[in-house]
């Protein structure tokens, strides 16, 4: 049986339903700027909001310019958190 490809699934906001495969890049910059790997146009998304980084079979989310609410815990800019892609980001989870 083939394993499931890891993906970032946008669950709310302007881009609801979008799916970004995570099997080809070790790091993605997420934000509103044209130079980001994943561009989100929702209000409240900073130019370079956060970075999603893959290390082996885990994913880590680090804020850059914007704060994030990760599983009910506020992450200030520069903080790292979330060791998996599920429930890490979404328009209803950022500020």
N, C-alpha and C. Protein backbone atom coordinates (compact mmCIF):
# COMPACT_ATOMS: atom_id res chain seq x y z
N UNK A 1 0.84 -1.17 0.00
CA UNK A 1 0.00 0.00 0.00
C UNK A 1 0.89 1.24 0.00
N UNK A 2 0.58 2.21 -0.85
CA UNK A 2 1.37 3.42 -0.98
C UNK A 2 1.06 4.37 0.18
N UNK A 3 2.12 4.99 0.75
CA UNK A 3 1.90 5.92 1.86
C UNK A 3 1.32 7.23 1.35
N UNK A 4 0.63 7.91 2.22
CA UNK A 4 0.00 9.18 1.89
C UNK A 4 1.05 10.28 1.77
N UNK A 5 0.93 11.11 0.76
CA UNK A 5 1.86 12.23 0.55
C UNK A 5 1.51 13.33 1.56
N UNK A 6 2.51 13.84 2.32
CA UNK A 6 2.21 14.93 3.26
C UNK A 6 1.78 16.17 2.50
N UNK A 7 0.82 16.90 3.09
CA UNK A 7 0.28 18.08 2.42
C UNK A 7 -0.15 19.13 3.43
N UNK A 8 -0.06 20.38 3.01
CA UNK A 8 -0.59 21.50 3.78
C UNK A 8 -1.98 21.77 3.20
N UNK A 9 -3.00 21.64 4.03
CA UNK A 9 -4.37 21.83 3.58
C UNK A 9 -4.91 23.12 4.18
N UNK A 10 -5.34 24.03 3.33
CA UNK A 10 -5.92 25.29 3.78
C UNK A 10 -7.38 25.02 4.12
N UNK A 11 -7.74 25.26 5.39
CA UNK A 11 -9.07 24.84 5.86
C UNK A 11 -10.07 25.98 6.02
N UNK A 12 -9.61 27.24 5.85
CA UNK A 12 -10.53 28.37 5.98
C UNK A 12 -9.94 29.57 5.24
N UNK A 13 -10.78 30.56 5.02
CA UNK A 13 -10.32 31.79 4.40
C UNK A 13 -10.42 31.77 2.88
N UNK A 14 -9.78 32.75 2.27
CA UNK A 14 -9.83 32.96 0.82
C UNK A 14 -9.41 31.72 0.04
N UNK A 15 -8.42 31.01 0.54
CA UNK A 15 -7.85 29.87 -0.19
C UNK A 15 -8.35 28.52 0.32
N UNK A 16 -9.48 28.53 1.02
CA UNK A 16 -10.05 27.30 1.58
C UNK A 16 -10.13 26.21 0.50
N UNK A 17 -9.64 25.02 0.87
CA UNK A 17 -9.68 23.89 -0.04
C UNK A 17 -8.38 23.67 -0.81
N UNK A 18 -7.49 24.66 -0.79
CA UNK A 18 -6.20 24.48 -1.49
C UNK A 18 -5.36 23.45 -0.75
N UNK A 19 -4.59 22.67 -1.52
CA UNK A 19 -3.72 21.65 -0.97
C UNK A 19 -2.34 21.83 -1.58
N UNK A 20 -1.32 21.96 -0.74
CA UNK A 20 0.05 22.11 -1.19
C UNK A 20 0.82 20.86 -0.78
N UNK A 21 1.32 20.13 -1.76
CA UNK A 21 2.11 18.92 -1.48
C UNK A 21 3.41 19.31 -0.78
N UNK A 22 3.78 18.52 0.21
CA UNK A 22 5.00 18.79 0.99
C UNK A 22 6.10 17.77 0.75
N UNK A 23 6.00 17.03 -0.34
CA UNK A 23 6.98 15.98 -0.60
C UNK A 23 8.14 16.44 -1.49
N UNK A 24 8.12 17.70 -1.94
CA UNK A 24 9.17 18.16 -2.85
C UNK A 24 10.06 19.25 -2.26
N UNK A 25 9.70 19.81 -1.13
CA UNK A 25 10.49 20.89 -0.54
C UNK A 25 10.72 20.63 0.94
N UNK A 26 11.90 21.00 1.42
CA UNK A 26 12.20 20.85 2.84
C UNK A 26 11.80 22.07 3.65
N UNK A 27 11.53 23.20 2.96
CA UNK A 27 11.15 24.41 3.65
C UNK A 27 10.25 25.25 2.75
N UNK A 28 9.19 25.81 3.33
CA UNK A 28 8.28 26.69 2.61
C UNK A 28 8.09 27.96 3.43
N UNK A 29 8.26 29.11 2.78
CA UNK A 29 7.94 30.39 3.41
C UNK A 29 6.49 30.68 3.05
N UNK A 30 5.69 30.99 4.08
CA UNK A 30 4.26 31.24 3.90
C UNK A 30 3.98 32.69 4.27
N UNK A 31 3.27 33.39 3.41
CA UNK A 31 2.93 34.78 3.68
C UNK A 31 2.20 35.42 2.51
N UNK A 32 2.07 36.75 2.56
CA UNK A 32 1.33 37.49 1.55
C UNK A 32 2.21 38.03 0.44
N UNK A 33 3.52 38.00 0.60
CA UNK A 33 4.45 38.57 -0.38
C UNK A 33 4.59 37.67 -1.61
N UNK A 34 4.84 38.30 -2.75
CA UNK A 34 5.01 37.56 -4.00
C UNK A 34 6.22 36.63 -3.99
N UNK A 35 7.18 36.86 -3.09
CA UNK A 35 8.37 36.00 -3.06
C UNK A 35 8.22 34.80 -2.12
N UNK A 36 7.04 34.60 -1.54
CA UNK A 36 6.79 33.45 -0.67
C UNK A 36 6.51 32.20 -1.51
N UNK A 37 6.80 31.05 -0.94
CA UNK A 37 6.50 29.79 -1.60
C UNK A 37 5.00 29.50 -1.60
N UNK A 38 4.33 29.86 -0.51
CA UNK A 38 2.88 29.73 -0.39
C UNK A 38 2.35 31.12 -0.11
N UNK A 39 1.56 31.66 -1.04
CA UNK A 39 1.05 33.02 -0.92
C UNK A 39 -0.41 32.96 -0.47
N UNK A 40 -0.70 33.63 0.65
CA UNK A 40 -2.05 33.71 1.18
C UNK A 40 -2.49 35.16 1.18
N UNK A 41 -3.64 35.46 0.59
CA UNK A 41 -4.11 36.83 0.44
C UNK A 41 -5.08 37.25 1.55
N UNK A 42 -5.25 36.44 2.55
CA UNK A 42 -6.19 36.77 3.63
C UNK A 42 -5.70 37.98 4.42
N UNK A 43 -6.65 38.78 4.92
CA UNK A 43 -6.27 39.90 5.77
C UNK A 43 -5.64 39.32 7.04
N UNK A 44 -4.64 39.98 7.54
CA UNK A 44 -3.96 39.50 8.74
C UNK A 44 -2.74 38.65 8.46
N UNK A 45 -2.56 38.21 7.22
CA UNK A 45 -1.37 37.44 6.86
C UNK A 45 -0.27 38.45 6.55
N UNK A 46 0.85 38.34 7.26
CA UNK A 46 1.99 39.25 7.07
C UNK A 46 2.75 38.89 5.79
N UNK A 47 3.62 39.78 5.35
CA UNK A 47 4.40 39.55 4.12
C UNK A 47 5.14 38.22 4.17
N UNK A 48 5.83 37.97 5.26
CA UNK A 48 6.56 36.71 5.47
C UNK A 48 6.12 36.18 6.83
N UNK A 49 4.97 35.57 6.86
CA UNK A 49 4.30 35.22 8.11
C UNK A 49 5.02 34.12 8.88
N UNK A 50 5.35 33.02 8.20
CA UNK A 50 5.96 31.89 8.89
C UNK A 50 6.71 30.98 7.93
N UNK A 51 7.44 30.04 8.50
CA UNK A 51 8.19 29.05 7.72
C UNK A 51 7.76 27.67 8.19
N UNK A 52 7.46 26.81 7.24
CA UNK A 52 7.17 25.41 7.53
C UNK A 52 8.38 24.61 7.07
N UNK A 53 9.05 23.94 8.01
CA UNK A 53 10.29 23.23 7.70
C UNK A 53 10.13 21.75 7.99
N UNK A 54 10.64 20.95 7.06
CA UNK A 54 10.59 19.50 7.22
C UNK A 54 11.96 19.00 7.67
N UNK A 55 11.95 18.17 8.70
CA UNK A 55 13.16 17.50 9.17
C UNK A 55 12.81 16.03 9.35
N UNK A 56 13.37 15.22 8.47
CA UNK A 56 13.06 13.78 8.43
C UNK A 56 11.56 13.62 8.20
N UNK A 57 10.84 12.99 9.12
CA UNK A 57 9.41 12.76 8.92
C UNK A 57 8.54 13.70 9.75
N UNK A 58 9.12 14.80 10.26
CA UNK A 58 8.37 15.77 11.07
C UNK A 58 8.40 17.13 10.40
N UNK A 59 7.40 17.95 10.75
CA UNK A 59 7.30 19.31 10.25
C UNK A 59 7.31 20.27 11.43
N UNK A 60 8.01 21.39 11.27
CA UNK A 60 8.10 22.41 12.30
C UNK A 60 7.67 23.74 11.71
N UNK A 61 6.90 24.49 12.48
CA UNK A 61 6.40 25.79 12.05
C UNK A 61 7.09 26.85 12.89
N UNK A 62 7.69 27.85 12.23
CA UNK A 62 8.34 28.95 12.94
C UNK A 62 7.77 30.26 12.42
N UNK A 63 7.34 31.11 13.31
CA UNK A 63 6.81 32.40 12.90
C UNK A 63 7.97 33.30 12.46
N UNK A 64 7.67 34.23 11.57
CA UNK A 64 8.65 35.23 11.14
C UNK A 64 8.14 36.60 11.55
N UNK A 65 7.11 37.09 10.87
CA UNK A 65 6.57 38.43 11.16
C UNK A 65 5.23 38.38 11.88
N UNK A 66 4.52 37.30 11.75
CA UNK A 66 3.19 37.23 12.33
C UNK A 66 3.11 36.25 13.46
N UNK A 67 2.22 36.52 14.40
CA UNK A 67 1.98 35.58 15.49
C UNK A 67 1.06 34.48 14.98
N UNK A 68 1.15 33.31 15.60
CA UNK A 68 0.30 32.18 15.25
C UNK A 68 -0.31 31.61 16.51
N UNK A 69 -1.48 31.05 16.35
CA UNK A 69 -2.10 30.29 17.42
C UNK A 69 -1.98 28.83 17.02
N UNK A 70 -1.10 28.10 17.70
CA UNK A 70 -0.83 26.71 17.36
C UNK A 70 -1.46 25.82 18.42
N UNK A 71 -2.50 25.10 18.03
CA UNK A 71 -3.18 24.18 18.95
C UNK A 71 -3.55 24.86 20.26
N UNK A 72 -4.02 26.11 20.16
CA UNK A 72 -4.46 26.84 21.34
C UNK A 72 -3.37 27.58 22.09
N UNK A 73 -2.14 27.54 21.58
CA UNK A 73 -1.01 28.23 22.22
C UNK A 73 -0.48 29.31 21.30
N UNK A 74 -0.44 30.55 21.78
CA UNK A 74 0.05 31.67 20.99
C UNK A 74 1.56 31.55 20.77
N UNK A 75 1.98 31.69 19.52
CA UNK A 75 3.40 31.66 19.16
C UNK A 75 3.77 33.06 18.67
N UNK A 76 4.68 33.72 19.36
CA UNK A 76 5.12 35.05 18.97
C UNK A 76 6.11 34.97 17.82
N UNK A 77 6.29 36.06 17.05
CA UNK A 77 7.27 36.05 15.96
C UNK A 77 8.64 35.56 16.42
N UNK A 78 9.22 34.66 15.63
CA UNK A 78 10.52 34.08 15.95
C UNK A 78 10.44 32.78 16.72
N UNK A 79 9.28 32.47 17.27
CA UNK A 79 9.12 31.24 18.07
C UNK A 79 8.92 30.05 17.14
N UNK A 80 9.36 28.89 17.61
CA UNK A 80 9.15 27.65 16.88
C UNK A 80 8.13 26.81 17.62
N UNK A 81 7.41 26.02 16.88
CA UNK A 81 6.44 25.15 17.52
C UNK A 81 5.81 24.23 16.51
N UNK A 82 5.02 23.34 16.98
CA UNK A 82 4.23 22.42 16.19
C UNK A 82 5.11 21.44 15.44
N UNK A 83 5.13 20.21 15.90
CA UNK A 83 5.98 19.20 15.27
C UNK A 83 5.24 18.38 14.21
N UNK A 84 4.15 18.89 13.71
CA UNK A 84 3.44 18.23 12.62
C UNK A 84 2.65 19.29 11.85
N UNK A 85 2.23 18.96 10.67
CA UNK A 85 1.55 19.94 9.84
C UNK A 85 0.09 20.12 10.22
N UNK A 86 -0.52 19.16 10.83
CA UNK A 86 -1.94 19.24 11.16
C UNK A 86 -2.21 20.29 12.23
N UNK A 87 -3.20 21.11 12.02
CA UNK A 87 -3.65 22.12 12.97
C UNK A 87 -2.63 23.22 13.25
N UNK A 88 -1.66 23.38 12.39
CA UNK A 88 -0.64 24.41 12.62
C UNK A 88 -1.05 25.76 12.09
N UNK A 89 -1.68 25.81 10.97
CA UNK A 89 -1.93 27.10 10.35
C UNK A 89 -3.29 27.10 9.69
N UNK A 90 -3.81 28.26 9.52
CA UNK A 90 -5.08 28.48 8.85
C UNK A 90 -5.51 29.87 9.14
N UNK A 91 -6.26 30.48 8.25
CA UNK A 91 -6.66 31.87 8.44
C UNK A 91 -7.33 32.14 9.78
N UNK A 92 -8.01 31.15 10.36
CA UNK A 92 -8.63 31.36 11.65
C UNK A 92 -7.65 31.11 12.80
N UNK A 93 -6.39 30.78 12.47
CA UNK A 93 -5.42 30.49 13.52
C UNK A 93 -4.24 31.45 13.50
N UNK A 94 -4.29 32.48 12.69
CA UNK A 94 -3.18 33.44 12.69
C UNK A 94 -3.72 34.83 13.04
N UNK A 95 -2.80 35.71 13.31
CA UNK A 95 -3.16 37.11 13.59
C UNK A 95 -2.34 37.99 12.71
